């Protein structure tokens, strides 16, 4: 008798995490980090949020992975949607709110992932 689901880790979770981070980077990361590059205050704020995300994911003890970052971003996004805090459409980077800045920080962290850990969920 075959099990209904594959047992053990598969590439599916890694692919899903990478896809999620790619979508987030396209919609939030690329435009937000371009603005932050020209606005030192925003860049400093993103750095502070990135440090907080890293701390909350215990990133100083174990490497961040696409799965941990994608899961964290999805949690932030889902909570923001639940509370009506995530605007539709493009973000306004002139005065980003906490949610926007946090998601941008996840994108900044995703850019720093160690290539050796990109294949692990």
N, C-alpha and C. Protein backbone atom coordinates (compact mmCIF):
# COMPACT_ATOMS: atom_id res chain seq x y z
N UNK A 1 0.85 -1.17 0.00
CA UNK A 1 0.00 0.00 0.00
C UNK A 1 0.89 1.23 0.00
N UNK A 2 0.59 2.16 -0.89
CA UNK A 2 1.36 3.40 -0.97
C UNK A 2 0.79 4.44 -0.02
N UNK A 3 1.69 5.21 0.58
CA UNK A 3 1.26 6.32 1.42
C UNK A 3 0.67 7.40 0.53
N UNK A 4 -0.38 8.09 0.98
CA UNK A 4 -1.02 9.11 0.14
C UNK A 4 -0.14 10.33 -0.12
N UNK A 5 0.85 10.56 0.72
CA UNK A 5 1.73 11.71 0.56
C UNK A 5 3.17 11.22 0.66
N UNK A 6 4.07 11.83 -0.08
CA UNK A 6 5.47 11.41 0.02
C UNK A 6 5.99 11.62 1.44
N UNK A 7 6.79 10.71 1.87
CA UNK A 7 7.39 10.81 3.19
C UNK A 7 8.75 11.49 3.07
N UNK A 8 9.10 12.31 4.04
CA UNK A 8 10.39 12.97 4.05
C UNK A 8 10.35 14.29 3.29
N UNK A 9 11.47 15.01 3.37
CA UNK A 9 11.52 16.33 2.75
C UNK A 9 11.52 16.22 1.22
N UNK A 10 10.88 17.14 0.58
CA UNK A 10 10.86 17.19 -0.87
C UNK A 10 11.25 18.59 -1.32
N UNK A 11 11.46 18.71 -2.59
CA UNK A 11 11.78 20.01 -3.15
C UNK A 11 10.58 20.94 -3.20
N UNK A 12 9.40 20.41 -2.97
CA UNK A 12 8.19 21.21 -3.05
C UNK A 12 8.17 22.35 -2.04
N UNK A 13 8.52 22.07 -0.81
CA UNK A 13 8.53 23.11 0.23
C UNK A 13 9.55 24.19 -0.09
N UNK A 14 10.70 23.78 -0.57
CA UNK A 14 11.75 24.74 -0.93
C UNK A 14 11.28 25.58 -2.11
N UNK A 15 10.68 24.94 -3.10
CA UNK A 15 10.18 25.68 -4.26
C UNK A 15 9.10 26.66 -3.87
N UNK A 16 8.20 26.24 -3.00
CA UNK A 16 7.13 27.13 -2.55
C UNK A 16 7.70 28.32 -1.80
N UNK A 17 8.67 28.08 -0.95
CA UNK A 17 9.29 29.17 -0.19
C UNK A 17 10.00 30.13 -1.12
N UNK A 18 10.75 29.59 -2.07
CA UNK A 18 11.45 30.45 -3.02
C UNK A 18 10.46 31.28 -3.85
N UNK A 19 9.37 30.63 -4.28
CA UNK A 19 8.36 31.35 -5.06
C UNK A 19 7.73 32.47 -4.25
N UNK A 20 7.43 32.17 -3.00
CA UNK A 20 6.84 33.17 -2.12
C UNK A 20 7.78 34.36 -1.93
N UNK A 21 9.05 34.08 -1.70
CA UNK A 21 10.03 35.16 -1.54
C UNK A 21 10.23 35.93 -2.84
N UNK A 22 10.18 35.23 -3.97
CA UNK A 22 10.33 35.91 -5.27
C UNK A 22 9.17 36.87 -5.51
N UNK A 23 7.96 36.43 -5.19
CA UNK A 23 6.79 37.31 -5.35
C UNK A 23 6.87 38.51 -4.42
N UNK A 24 7.27 38.26 -3.18
CA UNK A 24 7.41 39.35 -2.22
C UNK A 24 8.48 40.33 -2.67
N UNK A 25 9.58 39.80 -3.18
CA UNK A 25 10.66 40.66 -3.64
C UNK A 25 10.23 41.49 -4.84
N UNK A 26 9.46 40.90 -5.74
CA UNK A 26 9.00 41.64 -6.92
C UNK A 26 8.03 42.75 -6.55
N UNK A 27 7.14 42.47 -5.59
CA UNK A 27 6.11 43.45 -5.25
C UNK A 27 6.52 44.44 -4.17
N UNK A 28 7.37 44.02 -3.27
CA UNK A 28 7.75 44.86 -2.13
C UNK A 28 9.25 45.16 -2.14
N UNK A 29 10.06 44.14 -2.27
CA UNK A 29 11.50 44.28 -2.12
C UNK A 29 12.17 45.17 -3.14
N UNK A 30 11.95 44.89 -4.42
CA UNK A 30 12.64 45.66 -5.46
C UNK A 30 12.29 47.14 -5.39
N UNK A 31 11.00 47.49 -5.37
CA UNK A 31 10.70 48.93 -5.30
C UNK A 31 11.09 49.56 -3.97
N UNK A 32 10.86 48.85 -2.88
CA UNK A 32 11.16 49.41 -1.56
C UNK A 32 12.65 49.58 -1.32
N UNK A 33 13.45 48.60 -1.73
CA UNK A 33 14.89 48.70 -1.52
C UNK A 33 15.51 49.75 -2.44
N UNK A 34 14.90 49.97 -3.61
CA UNK A 34 15.38 51.05 -4.49
C UNK A 34 15.16 52.41 -3.83
N UNK A 35 14.01 52.58 -3.21
CA UNK A 35 13.73 53.83 -2.49
C UNK A 35 14.66 53.95 -1.28
N UNK A 36 14.84 52.85 -0.56
CA UNK A 36 15.68 52.87 0.64
C UNK A 36 17.13 53.21 0.30
N UNK A 37 17.58 52.80 -0.87
CA UNK A 37 18.96 53.11 -1.27
C UNK A 37 19.17 54.61 -1.39
N UNK A 38 18.11 55.34 -1.70
CA UNK A 38 18.21 56.80 -1.84
C UNK A 38 17.79 57.54 -0.57
N UNK A 39 17.24 56.82 0.39
CA UNK A 39 16.78 57.45 1.63
C UNK A 39 17.43 56.76 2.83
N UNK A 40 18.53 57.31 3.34
CA UNK A 40 19.25 56.68 4.44
C UNK A 40 18.38 56.40 5.67
N UNK A 41 17.41 57.25 5.94
CA UNK A 41 16.53 57.03 7.09
C UNK A 41 15.71 55.76 6.93
N UNK A 42 15.19 55.55 5.74
CA UNK A 42 14.42 54.34 5.47
C UNK A 42 15.32 53.11 5.52
N UNK A 43 16.51 53.23 4.97
CA UNK A 43 17.46 52.11 4.99
C UNK A 43 17.81 51.72 6.42
N UNK A 44 18.01 52.71 7.28
CA UNK A 44 18.30 52.43 8.69
C UNK A 44 17.12 51.74 9.36
N UNK A 45 15.92 52.17 9.05
CA UNK A 45 14.72 51.56 9.61
C UNK A 45 14.58 50.11 9.14
N UNK A 46 14.86 49.87 7.87
CA UNK A 46 14.82 48.50 7.34
C UNK A 46 15.85 47.63 8.05
N UNK A 47 17.04 48.18 8.26
CA UNK A 47 18.09 47.44 8.97
C UNK A 47 17.65 47.07 10.39
N UNK A 48 16.98 48.00 11.07
CA UNK A 48 16.49 47.72 12.42
C UNK A 48 15.43 46.61 12.40
N UNK A 49 14.54 46.67 11.43
CA UNK A 49 13.51 45.64 11.31
C UNK A 49 14.14 44.29 10.95
N UNK A 50 15.14 44.32 10.07
CA UNK A 50 15.81 43.07 9.70
C UNK A 50 16.47 42.43 10.91
N UNK A 51 17.08 43.23 11.76
CA UNK A 51 17.69 42.69 12.98
C UNK A 51 16.63 42.07 13.89
N UNK A 52 15.48 42.72 13.98
CA UNK A 52 14.39 42.18 14.81
C UNK A 52 13.85 40.88 14.23
N UNK A 53 13.72 40.80 12.91
CA UNK A 53 13.26 39.56 12.28
C UNK A 53 14.28 38.46 12.53
N UNK A 54 15.54 38.76 12.33
CA UNK A 54 16.60 37.77 12.56
C UNK A 54 16.57 37.27 14.01
N UNK A 55 16.40 38.19 14.95
CA UNK A 55 16.31 37.79 16.36
C UNK A 55 15.11 36.90 16.62
N UNK A 56 13.97 37.25 16.05
CA UNK A 56 12.76 36.47 16.31
C UNK A 56 12.85 35.08 15.68
N UNK A 57 13.64 34.93 14.63
CA UNK A 57 13.81 33.63 13.99
C UNK A 57 15.06 32.91 14.49
N UNK A 58 15.67 33.45 15.53
CA UNK A 58 16.86 32.86 16.13
C UNK A 58 17.99 32.75 15.11
N UNK A 59 18.05 33.75 14.22
CA UNK A 59 19.02 33.74 13.14
C UNK A 59 20.46 33.82 13.56
N UNK A 60 20.74 34.19 14.80
CA UNK A 60 22.13 34.21 15.24
C UNK A 60 22.60 32.82 15.66
N UNK A 61 21.70 31.87 15.81
CA UNK A 61 22.07 30.51 16.21
C UNK A 61 21.98 29.50 15.09
N UNK A 62 21.11 29.76 14.13
CA UNK A 62 20.97 28.87 12.99
C UNK A 62 20.69 29.72 11.76
N UNK A 63 21.15 29.26 10.62
CA UNK A 63 21.01 30.07 9.41
C UNK A 63 19.55 30.27 9.02
N UNK A 64 19.28 31.45 8.51
CA UNK A 64 17.96 31.71 7.95
C UNK A 64 17.84 30.94 6.65
N UNK A 65 16.64 30.49 6.35
CA UNK A 65 16.38 29.74 5.13
C UNK A 65 15.22 30.39 4.38
N UNK A 66 15.04 30.05 3.12
CA UNK A 66 13.87 30.56 2.41
C UNK A 66 12.57 30.20 3.13
N UNK A 67 12.49 29.01 3.67
CA UNK A 67 11.26 28.58 4.36
C UNK A 67 10.98 29.41 5.60
N UNK A 68 12.00 29.69 6.40
CA UNK A 68 11.75 30.47 7.62
C UNK A 68 11.36 31.90 7.27
N UNK A 69 12.04 32.48 6.29
CA UNK A 69 11.69 33.86 5.90
C UNK A 69 10.33 33.94 5.24
N UNK A 70 10.04 32.99 4.37
CA UNK A 70 8.73 32.99 3.70
C UNK A 70 7.61 32.78 4.72
N UNK A 71 7.82 31.88 5.66
CA UNK A 71 6.81 31.64 6.70
C UNK A 71 6.60 32.86 7.57
N UNK A 72 7.68 33.52 7.93
CA UNK A 72 7.57 34.73 8.74
C UNK A 72 6.80 35.81 7.98
N UNK A 73 7.17 36.02 6.71
CA UNK A 73 6.50 37.04 5.90
C UNK A 73 5.02 36.72 5.75
N UNK A 74 4.70 35.46 5.55
CA UNK A 74 3.29 35.08 5.40
C UNK A 74 2.53 35.34 6.70
N UNK A 75 3.15 35.09 7.83
CA UNK A 75 2.50 35.39 9.11
C UNK A 75 2.24 36.87 9.29
N UNK A 76 3.21 37.69 8.94
CA UNK A 76 3.03 39.15 9.02
C UNK A 76 1.91 39.59 8.09
N UNK A 77 1.96 39.09 6.87
CA UNK A 77 0.96 39.46 5.87
C UNK A 77 -0.44 39.02 6.27
N UNK A 78 -0.57 37.79 6.73
CA UNK A 78 -1.89 37.27 7.12
C UNK A 78 -2.47 38.05 8.29
N UNK A 79 -1.65 38.36 9.26
CA UNK A 79 -2.12 39.15 10.41
C UNK A 79 -2.52 40.55 9.98
N UNK A 80 -1.73 41.14 9.09
CA UNK A 80 -2.06 42.49 8.61
C UNK A 80 -3.37 42.49 7.84
N UNK A 81 -3.59 41.48 7.00
CA UNK A 81 -4.83 41.39 6.24
C UNK A 81 -6.00 41.19 7.20
N UNK A 82 -5.82 40.33 8.17
CA UNK A 82 -6.88 40.04 9.16
C UNK A 82 -7.32 41.30 9.89
N UNK A 83 -6.37 42.19 10.14
CA UNK A 83 -6.67 43.42 10.88
C UNK A 83 -6.86 44.63 9.97
N UNK A 84 -6.93 44.39 8.66
CA UNK A 84 -7.16 45.48 7.71
C UNK A 84 -5.99 46.45 7.60
N UNK A 85 -4.78 45.96 7.84
CA UNK A 85 -3.62 46.85 7.84
C UNK A 85 -2.78 46.78 6.57
N UNK A 86 -3.15 45.91 5.64
CA UNK A 86 -2.35 45.76 4.43
C UNK A 86 -3.11 46.41 3.28
N UNK A 87 -2.57 47.49 2.75
CA UNK A 87 -3.28 48.17 1.65
C UNK A 87 -3.22 47.36 0.37
N UNK A 88 -4.21 47.55 -0.47
CA UNK A 88 -4.18 46.93 -1.79
C UNK A 88 -3.30 47.75 -2.72
N UNK A 89 -2.80 47.14 -3.74
CA UNK A 89 -1.98 47.87 -4.71
C UNK A 89 -0.56 48.11 -4.22
N UNK A 90 0.08 49.07 -4.83
CA UNK A 90 1.48 49.38 -4.52
C UNK A 90 1.60 50.09 -3.17
N UNK A 91 2.73 49.87 -2.52
CA UNK A 91 3.01 50.53 -1.25
C UNK A 91 3.46 51.97 -1.51
N UNK A 92 3.17 52.84 -0.55
CA UNK A 92 3.66 54.21 -0.58
C UNK A 92 4.92 54.25 0.27
N UNK A 93 6.06 54.38 -0.36
CA UNK A 93 7.32 54.35 0.37
C UNK A 93 7.70 55.71 0.96
N UNK A 94 6.88 56.73 0.73
CA UNK A 94 7.16 58.04 1.33
C UNK A 94 7.05 57.97 2.84
N UNK A 95 6.06 57.24 3.33
CA UNK A 95 5.86 57.06 4.77
C UNK A 95 5.41 55.63 5.03
N UNK A 96 6.33 54.67 4.95
CA UNK A 96 5.94 53.27 5.13
C UNK A 96 5.52 52.98 6.57
N UNK A 97 4.52 52.13 6.70
CA UNK A 97 4.09 51.74 8.04
C UNK A 97 4.91 50.53 8.51
N UNK A 98 4.56 50.03 9.69
CA UNK A 98 5.30 48.92 10.29
C UNK A 98 5.26 47.69 9.41
N UNK A 99 4.10 47.35 8.88
CA UNK A 99 3.94 46.15 8.06
C UNK A 99 4.80 46.25 6.80
N UNK A 100 4.73 47.37 6.12
CA UNK A 100 5.52 47.58 4.91
C UNK A 100 7.01 47.44 5.21
N UNK A 101 7.44 48.08 6.28
CA UNK A 101 8.86 48.05 6.64
C UNK A 101 9.29 46.65 7.03
N UNK A 102 8.43 45.92 7.74
CA UNK A 102 8.77 44.56 8.15
C UNK A 102 8.91 43.65 6.93
N UNK A 103 7.98 43.75 6.00
CA UNK A 103 8.06 42.93 4.79
C UNK A 103 9.28 43.31 3.95
N UNK A 104 9.60 44.58 3.90
CA UNK A 104 10.80 45.02 3.19
C UNK A 104 12.05 44.45 3.87
N UNK A 105 12.05 44.39 5.18
CA UNK A 105 13.18 43.81 5.91
C UNK A 105 13.34 42.33 5.58
N UNK A 106 12.24 41.61 5.43
CA UNK A 106 12.32 40.20 5.04
C UNK A 106 12.97 40.09 3.67
N UNK A 107 12.60 40.97 2.75
CA UNK A 107 13.21 40.97 1.42
C UNK A 107 14.72 41.26 1.50
N UNK A 108 15.09 42.19 2.34
CA UNK A 108 16.51 42.50 2.52
C UNK A 108 17.26 41.29 3.07
N UNK A 109 16.66 40.59 4.01
CA UNK A 109 17.28 39.39 4.56
C UNK A 109 17.36 38.28 3.52
N UNK A 110 16.34 38.16 2.69
CA UNK A 110 16.35 37.12 1.65
C UNK A 110 17.52 37.31 0.69
N UNK A 111 17.89 38.54 0.46
CA UNK A 111 19.05 38.82 -0.41
C UNK A 111 20.36 38.34 0.20
N UNK A 112 20.38 38.16 1.50
CA UNK A 112 21.63 37.78 2.17
C UNK A 112 21.74 36.29 2.45
N UNK A 113 20.76 35.52 2.02
CA UNK A 113 20.77 34.09 2.32
C UNK A 113 22.04 33.44 1.78
N UNK A 114 22.59 32.56 2.59
CA UNK A 114 23.76 31.79 2.22
C UNK A 114 23.34 30.78 1.15
N UNK A 115 23.98 30.80 -0.02
CA UNK A 115 23.58 29.88 -1.10
C UNK A 115 23.60 28.41 -0.67
N UNK A 116 24.43 28.06 0.33
CA UNK A 116 24.47 26.67 0.79
C UNK A 116 23.16 26.27 1.47
N UNK A 117 22.36 27.23 1.91
CA UNK A 117 21.12 26.92 2.61
C UNK A 117 19.89 27.14 1.76
N UNK A 118 20.06 27.49 0.51
CA UNK A 118 18.91 27.73 -0.36
C UNK A 118 18.17 26.45 -0.73
N UNK A 119 18.82 25.31 -0.61
CA UNK A 119 18.16 24.06 -0.97
C UNK A 119 17.49 23.39 0.22
N UNK A 120 17.56 23.99 1.38
CA UNK A 120 16.93 23.40 2.56
C UNK A 120 15.71 24.20 2.95
N UNK A 121 14.68 23.50 3.37
CA UNK A 121 13.45 24.18 3.83
C UNK A 121 13.62 24.61 5.26
